[in-house]
Amino acid sequence: MAKPGRPGAPRKKKPSAGSGGRGRKALEGKGPTPKAEDRSWHPAGKRKAAQERLEAARARHGRPEQEAPRAQRRTRPAADQAGELVTGRNSVLEALRARVPGTTLYLASRLEMDDRVKESIAIATHRGIPVLEVMRAELDRMSGPDAVHQGVALRVPAYEYAHPLDLVERARSRGEVPLLVALDGVTDPRNLGAVIRSVAAFGGHGVIVPQRRSVGLTAAAWKTSAGAAARIPVAMAANLTRTLTALQGEGLFVLGLDGGGDTPLPGLSFATSPLVLVVGSEGKGLSRLVTETCDAVVSIPITAATESLNAGVAASVALYEIARLRSAQA
């Protein structure tokens, strides 16, 4: 018997039974995605958990939150500590003699002792500075690839620069005519060390370095100065041109040192006056603003075959001539 209805027509389906609310939770979803630090398996969540454990441990032991864990302080490498490393037997001994506040004296193992090393050990022991013996390879790593430590090194705090005007007061308090050297764009620490050594040798009272685009008193400068940096103060100028103008206000003559200067160094008439000798970098020389600030630009007579002198040599020659003229007129 044939089924009722038009042939080929779709058959009607019976209404299906509902879920009765059994899938309601699945339709609602899981909500917003939690933050990374709230997921325990996420790296951010692991860091947060570790920080919470660290703070809980500090609270139990009464340790300030900003203080580093004791194990971390004990295992920190010496080369990463603040300050500079003075290397070389002469430099270390001069720094100790001048009572530079050293923190640690390092000696290479199996070091061949001489009078300088023995005196350094004696001064350090008397002042309560720890003396540590380290392997030579470790001392090489601490000093750097270019340093020649000679088996001796002294760690000192970061250098405290003087104010430029303090150098003038220091000279006048001794009843002496101020003689300063300012560096303009000198970036080689060995040149700075050589200038400091020349200033000490020829009766100068200090060195001025700009805060920017210039070398500071690093361990390499200490080394090159052969300990003179412990006796000659170094001042830092935030702006060299303004500092030179302020020194002019204190009655000092500012003399630039440049190969193209129109004032010859021999028989310099300014020699007996309070002076600031400004030395530029090799090749570039003095900057434009500094040149315009100078009262005179002095040149050193040299042969045509030689283009220029480096800052250390030029300052030494000029300081010698100034010292000679001052001595002759004393």
Protein backbone atom coordinates (compact mmCIF):
# COMPACT_ATOMS: atom_id res chain seq x y z
CA MET A 1 0.00 0.00 0.00
CA ALA A 2 1.44 3.33 -1.01
CA LYS A 3 2.23 5.93 1.59
CA PRO A 4 0.07 9.01 1.62
CA GLY A 5 1.36 12.27 0.28
CA ARG A 6 2.81 13.60 -2.93
CA PRO A 7 5.48 11.39 -4.44
CA GLY A 8 9.00 12.84 -3.87
CA ALA A 9 7.90 15.28 -1.22
CA PRO A 10 10.20 15.48 1.84
CA ARG A 11 8.99 13.65 4.82
CA LYS A 12 8.35 15.57 7.98
CA LYS A 13 10.64 14.81 10.93
CA LYS A 14 9.45 14.44 14.41
CA PRO A 15 10.66 17.14 16.83
CA SER A 16 13.86 16.02 18.58
CA ALA A 17 14.09 15.97 22.30
CA GLY A 18 15.95 18.95 23.92
CA SER A 19 19.08 18.71 26.06
CA GLY A 20 17.19 19.86 29.08
CA GLY A 21 19.93 22.42 29.93
CA ARG A 22 22.66 19.80 30.07
CA GLY A 23 24.91 21.79 27.58
CA ARG A 24 24.36 25.20 29.11
CA LYS A 25 27.80 25.39 30.76
CA ALA A 26 29.55 24.42 27.56
CA LEU A 27 27.78 27.21 25.70
CA GLU A 28 28.83 29.80 28.27
CA GLY A 29 32.58 29.39 27.48
CA LYS A 30 35.60 29.51 29.82
CA GLY A 31 35.64 33.27 30.40
CA PRO A 32 38.49 35.76 29.72
CA THR A 33 42.02 34.44 29.21
CA PRO A 34 44.02 34.79 32.46
CA LYS A 35 47.09 37.02 32.54
CA ALA A 36 50.46 35.47 31.84
CA GLU A 37 51.64 36.00 35.42
CA ASP A 38 48.54 34.17 36.71
CA ARG A 39 49.32 31.03 34.72
CA SER A 40 51.53 28.75 36.78
CA TRP A 41 53.07 27.06 33.72
CA HIS A 42 53.94 30.34 31.96
CA PRO A 43 57.47 31.84 32.46
CA ALA A 44 55.91 35.03 33.81
CA GLY A 45 53.93 32.98 36.30
CA LYS A 46 57.06 31.14 37.39
CA ARG A 47 58.91 34.44 37.91
CA LYS A 48 56.00 35.76 39.98
CA ALA A 49 55.99 32.65 42.14
CA ALA A 50 59.74 32.87 42.65
CA GLN A 51 59.47 36.55 43.63
CA GLU A 52 56.74 35.72 46.14
CA ARG A 53 58.92 33.00 47.67
CA LEU A 54 61.86 35.42 47.87
CA GLU A 55 59.77 38.10 49.58
CA ALA A 56 58.40 35.55 52.02
CA ALA A 57 61.94 34.43 52.88
CA ARG A 58 63.06 38.04 53.42
CA ALA A 59 60.09 38.65 55.69
CA ARG A 60 60.94 35.57 57.77
CA HIS A 61 64.56 36.58 58.23
CA GLY A 62 63.91 40.31 58.62
CA ARG A 63 66.13 41.20 55.62
CA PRO A 64 65.42 44.51 53.83
CA GLU A 65 63.85 44.03 50.44
CA GLN A 66 66.48 46.09 48.61
CA GLU A 67 69.41 44.13 50.04
CA ALA A 68 70.88 41.46 47.81
CA PRO A 69 70.99 37.87 49.05
CA ARG A 70 74.18 37.06 50.94
CA ALA A 71 75.19 34.28 48.57
CA GLN A 72 74.87 36.64 45.62
CA ARG A 73 77.13 39.22 47.29
CA ARG A 74 79.71 36.59 48.17
CA THR A 75 79.96 35.07 44.71
CA ARG A 76 79.95 38.30 42.72
CA PRO A 77 83.16 38.49 40.65
CA ALA A 78 85.69 41.07 41.81
CA ALA A 79 85.97 42.53 38.31
CA ASP A 80 82.28 43.46 38.38
CA GLN A 81 82.55 45.57 41.54
CA ALA A 82 82.41 49.34 41.38
CA GLY A 83 85.62 51.30 41.07
CA GLU A 84 88.82 51.09 39.07
CA LEU A 85 91.75 48.72 39.10
CA VAL A 86 95.15 50.44 39.37
CA THR A 87 97.81 48.16 37.90
CA GLY A 88 101.60 48.19 37.91
CA ARG A 89 104.07 48.31 40.77
CA ASN A 90 104.87 52.02 40.56
CA SER A 91 101.24 53.09 40.18
CA VAL A 92 100.04 50.91 43.04
CA LEU A 93 102.80 52.05 45.37
CA GLU A 94 102.25 55.73 44.60
CA ALA A 95 98.51 55.34 45.16
CA LEU A 96 99.09 53.68 48.52
CA ARG A 97 101.64 56.31 49.54
CA ALA A 98 99.14 59.04 48.72
CA ARG A 99 96.55 57.28 50.88
CA VAL A 100 94.17 56.63 48.01
CA PRO A 101 91.27 54.71 49.64
CA GLY A 102 92.04 51.30 48.19
CA THR A 103 89.72 48.40 48.97
CA THR A 104 91.78 45.35 47.95
CA LEU A 105 95.41 44.69 47.01
CA TYR A 106 95.82 41.79 44.56
CA LEU A 107 99.09 39.90 44.17
CA ALA A 108 99.76 37.27 41.54
CA SER A 109 100.74 33.87 42.87
CA ARG A 110 104.47 33.10 42.89
CA LEU A 111 105.23 36.79 42.52
CA GLU A 112 108.86 37.83 42.53
CA MET A 113 109.13 40.35 45.35
CA ASP A 114 111.02 43.62 45.11
CA ASP A 115 111.14 46.71 47.34
CA ARG A 116 108.04 48.20 45.69
CA VAL A 117 105.93 45.12 46.31
CA LYS A 118 107.16 44.76 49.89
CA GLU A 119 106.36 48.39 50.66
CA SER A 120 102.93 48.06 49.05
CA ILE A 121 102.14 45.06 51.22
CA ALA A 122 103.39 46.86 54.33
CA ILE A 123 101.27 49.96 53.66
CA ALA A 124 98.19 47.91 52.84
CA THR A 125 98.58 45.82 55.98
CA HIS A 126 99.06 48.92 58.13
CA ARG A 127 95.94 50.56 56.69
CA GLY A 128 93.84 47.42 56.97
CA ILE A 129 93.46 46.88 53.22
CA PRO A 130 92.89 43.17 52.42
CA VAL A 131 95.77 41.53 50.52
CA LEU A 132 94.63 38.69 48.28
CA GLU A 133 96.76 36.27 46.29
CA VAL A 134 95.19 35.27 42.98
CA MET A 135 96.28 33.24 40.00
CA ARG A 136 98.03 35.25 37.31
CA ALA A 137 95.37 34.26 34.78
CA GLU A 138 92.68 35.70 37.05
CA LEU A 139 94.67 38.93 37.44
CA ASP A 140 95.01 39.11 33.66
CA ARG A 141 91.24 38.80 33.31
CA MET A 142 90.58 41.46 35.93
CA SER A 143 93.07 43.93 34.45
CA GLY A 144 92.00 43.57 30.83
CA PRO A 145 93.91 42.58 27.71
CA ASP A 146 95.87 45.84 27.35
CA ALA A 147 96.99 46.32 30.96
CA VAL A 148 100.48 45.42 32.17
CA HIS A 149 99.91 44.71 35.86
CA GLN A 150 103.38 43.32 36.75
CA GLY A 151 101.68 40.97 39.19
CA VAL A 152 100.23 43.78 41.35
CA ALA A 153 96.86 45.53 41.26
CA LEU A 154 94.91 47.75 43.62
CA ARG A 155 91.16 48.23 43.51
CA VAL A 156 90.15 51.80 44.31
CA PRO A 157 86.71 53.45 44.43
CA ALA A 158 85.44 55.50 41.52
CA TYR A 159 87.46 58.70 41.17
CA GLU A 160 86.00 61.80 42.82
CA TYR A 161 86.59 64.74 40.51
CA ALA A 162 87.32 68.19 41.89
CA HIS A 163 85.59 71.41 40.88
CA PRO A 164 87.66 73.46 38.39
CA LEU A 165 87.62 76.56 40.61
CA ASP A 166 88.94 74.50 43.52
CA LEU A 167 92.17 74.01 41.59
CA VAL A 168 92.68 77.78 41.50
CA GLU A 169 92.03 78.10 45.23
CA ARG A 170 94.44 75.23 45.90
CA ALA A 171 97.26 77.01 44.07
CA ARG A 172 96.61 80.39 45.66
CA SER A 173 96.41 78.90 49.14
CA ARG A 174 100.02 77.81 48.63
CA GLY A 175 101.04 81.26 47.51
CA GLU A 176 101.76 80.01 43.98
CA VAL A 177 100.73 81.27 40.54
CA PRO A 178 98.03 78.91 39.17
CA LEU A 179 98.99 76.70 36.25
CA LEU A 180 96.28 74.38 34.93
CA VAL A 181 95.91 72.18 31.86
CA ALA A 182 92.53 71.59 30.21
CA LEU A 183 91.94 68.88 27.62
CA ASP A 184 89.63 69.44 24.66
CA GLY A 185 88.42 66.27 22.95
CA VAL A 186 91.25 64.01 24.17
CA THR A 187 89.90 60.46 24.34
CA ASP A 188 93.07 58.38 24.86
CA PRO A 189 93.59 57.57 28.57
CA ARG A 190 97.33 57.25 28.00
CA ASN A 191 97.44 60.87 26.87
CA LEU A 192 95.59 61.92 30.01
CA GLY A 193 98.02 59.97 32.16
CA ALA A 194 100.99 61.55 30.37
CA VAL A 195 99.53 65.04 30.84
CA ILE A 196 98.99 64.42 34.57
CA ARG A 197 102.58 63.24 34.88
CA SER A 198 103.88 66.35 33.08
CA VAL A 199 101.75 68.65 35.24
CA ALA A 200 103.25 67.05 38.34
CA ALA A 201 106.78 67.31 36.96
CA PHE A 202 106.63 70.99 35.95
CA GLY A 203 104.79 72.49 38.91
CA GLY A 204 101.21 72.47 37.63
CA HIS A 205 98.23 72.45 39.95
CA GLY A 206 95.62 70.33 38.18
CA VAL A 207 94.00 69.01 35.03
CA ILE A 208 90.51 69.75 33.72
CA VAL A 209 88.60 67.29 31.51
CA PRO A 210 85.18 67.84 29.91
CA GLN A 211 82.28 65.70 31.00
CA ARG A 212 81.42 64.66 27.42
CA ARG A 213 83.49 63.48 24.49
CA SER A 214 86.58 63.14 26.62
CA VAL A 215 88.48 60.52 28.54
CA GLY A 216 88.07 60.19 32.30
CA LEU A 217 90.53 59.08 34.93
CA THR A 218 90.47 55.35 34.22
CA ALA A 219 92.87 52.64 35.34
CA ALA A 220 94.84 53.10 32.11
CA ALA A 221 95.32 56.79 32.92
CA TRP A 222 96.41 55.90 36.46
CA LYS A 223 98.94 53.49 35.00
CA THR A 224 100.38 55.97 32.49
CA SER A 225 100.67 58.69 35.11
CA ALA A 226 103.04 56.43 37.09
CA GLY A 227 101.25 57.40 40.30
CA ALA A 228 101.14 61.16 39.63
CA ALA A 229 97.33 61.00 39.57
CA ALA A 230 97.48 60.44 43.31
CA ARG A 231 99.11 63.88 43.77
CA ILE A 232 97.58 66.00 41.00
CA PRO A 233 93.81 66.64 41.23
CA VAL A 234 91.64 66.21 38.16
CA ALA A 235 88.52 68.34 37.78
CA MET A 236 85.55 67.70 35.51
CA ALA A 237 83.84 70.50 33.59
CA ALA A 238 80.21 70.11 32.58
CA ASN A 239 80.86 72.61 29.77
CA LEU A 240 84.48 73.36 28.92
CA THR A 241 83.81 76.72 27.25
CA ARG A 242 81.85 78.05 30.22
CA THR A 243 84.47 76.74 32.62
CA LEU A 244 87.22 78.55 30.72
CA THR A 245 85.15 81.74 30.84
CA ALA A 246 84.71 81.33 34.60
CA LEU A 247 88.47 80.87 35.00
CA GLN A 248 89.04 84.04 33.02
CA GLY A 249 86.81 85.76 35.55
CA GLU A 250 89.18 84.50 38.25
CA GLY A 251 92.06 86.32 36.54
CA LEU A 252 93.55 83.42 34.57
CA PHE A 253 94.73 83.70 30.98
CA VAL A 254 93.46 80.91 28.69
CA LEU A 255 96.07 79.80 26.17
CA GLY A 256 95.17 77.32 23.45
CA LEU A 257 97.86 75.03 22.10
CA ASP A 258 97.59 74.55 18.34
CA GLY A 259 99.99 74.11 15.46
CA GLY A 260 98.44 77.05 13.60
CA GLY A 261 98.67 79.47 16.51
CA ASP A 262 100.00 82.97 15.98
CA THR A 263 101.86 83.19 19.32
CA PRO A 264 105.16 81.28 19.46
CA LEU A 265 105.88 79.25 22.58
CA PRO A 266 109.55 80.26 23.05
CA GLY A 267 109.76 83.33 25.28
CA LEU A 268 106.02 83.29 25.97
CA SER A 269 105.10 86.62 27.61
CA PHE A 270 102.13 85.07 29.46
CA ALA A 271 104.33 82.50 31.25
CA THR A 272 104.47 84.27 34.62
CA SER A 273 100.73 84.99 34.70
CA PRO A 274 98.02 82.65 36.04
CA LEU A 275 97.44 80.27 33.15
CA VAL A 276 95.12 77.64 31.76
CA LEU A 277 96.78 75.71 28.94
CA VAL A 278 94.20 74.07 26.67
CA VAL A 279 95.39 71.05 24.68
CA GLY A 280 93.32 69.63 21.82
CA SER A 281 93.24 66.16 20.35
CA GLU A 282 95.78 65.03 17.80
CA GLY A 283 94.50 65.66 14.29
CA LYS A 284 91.37 67.66 15.18
CA GLY A 285 93.04 70.16 17.48
CA LEU A 286 90.97 72.66 19.43
CA SER A 287 87.25 73.03 18.85
CA ARG A 288 85.89 76.27 17.40
CA LEU A 289 84.20 77.53 20.57
CA VAL A 290 87.25 76.81 22.69
CA THR A 291 89.50 78.59 20.19
CA GLU A 292 87.25 81.66 20.28
CA THR A 293 87.38 81.65 24.10
CA CYS A 294 91.19 81.56 24.29
CA ASP A 295 93.09 84.77 25.00
CA ALA A 296 95.85 83.55 22.67
CA VAL A 297 96.65 80.47 20.60
CA VAL A 298 100.21 79.24 21.09
CA SER A 299 102.16 77.13 18.61
CA ILE A 300 105.19 74.90 19.17
CA PRO A 301 107.87 75.30 16.50
CA ILE A 302 108.37 71.92 14.81
CA THR A 303 109.88 70.75 11.56
CA ALA A 304 107.74 70.60 8.45
CA ALA A 305 108.17 66.85 8.22
CA THR A 306 106.16 66.33 11.39
CA GLU A 307 102.45 67.06 11.14
CA SER A 308 101.51 67.25 14.81
CA LEU A 309 102.36 66.13 18.33
CA ASN A 310 100.05 64.09 20.47
CA ALA A 311 98.41 65.72 23.47
CA GLY A 312 100.79 64.28 26.04
CA VAL A 313 103.96 65.38 24.23
CA ALA A 314 102.60 68.83 23.31
CA ALA A 315 101.54 69.53 26.89
CA SER A 316 104.91 68.38 28.21
CA VAL A 317 106.85 70.68 25.86
CA ALA A 318 104.65 73.69 26.67
CA LEU A 319 104.76 73.09 30.42
CA TYR A 320 108.56 72.80 30.33
CA GLU A 321 108.89 76.16 28.57
CA ILE A 322 106.47 77.83 31.00
CA ALA A 323 108.32 76.37 33.99
CA ARG A 324 111.66 77.51 32.54
CA LEU A 325 110.46 81.07 32.01
CA ARG A 326 108.93 81.23 35.47
CA SER A 327 112.13 79.95 37.03
CA ALA A 328 114.20 82.51 35.11
CA GLN A 329 112.06 85.41 36.34
CA ALA A 330 111.66 84.19 39.90
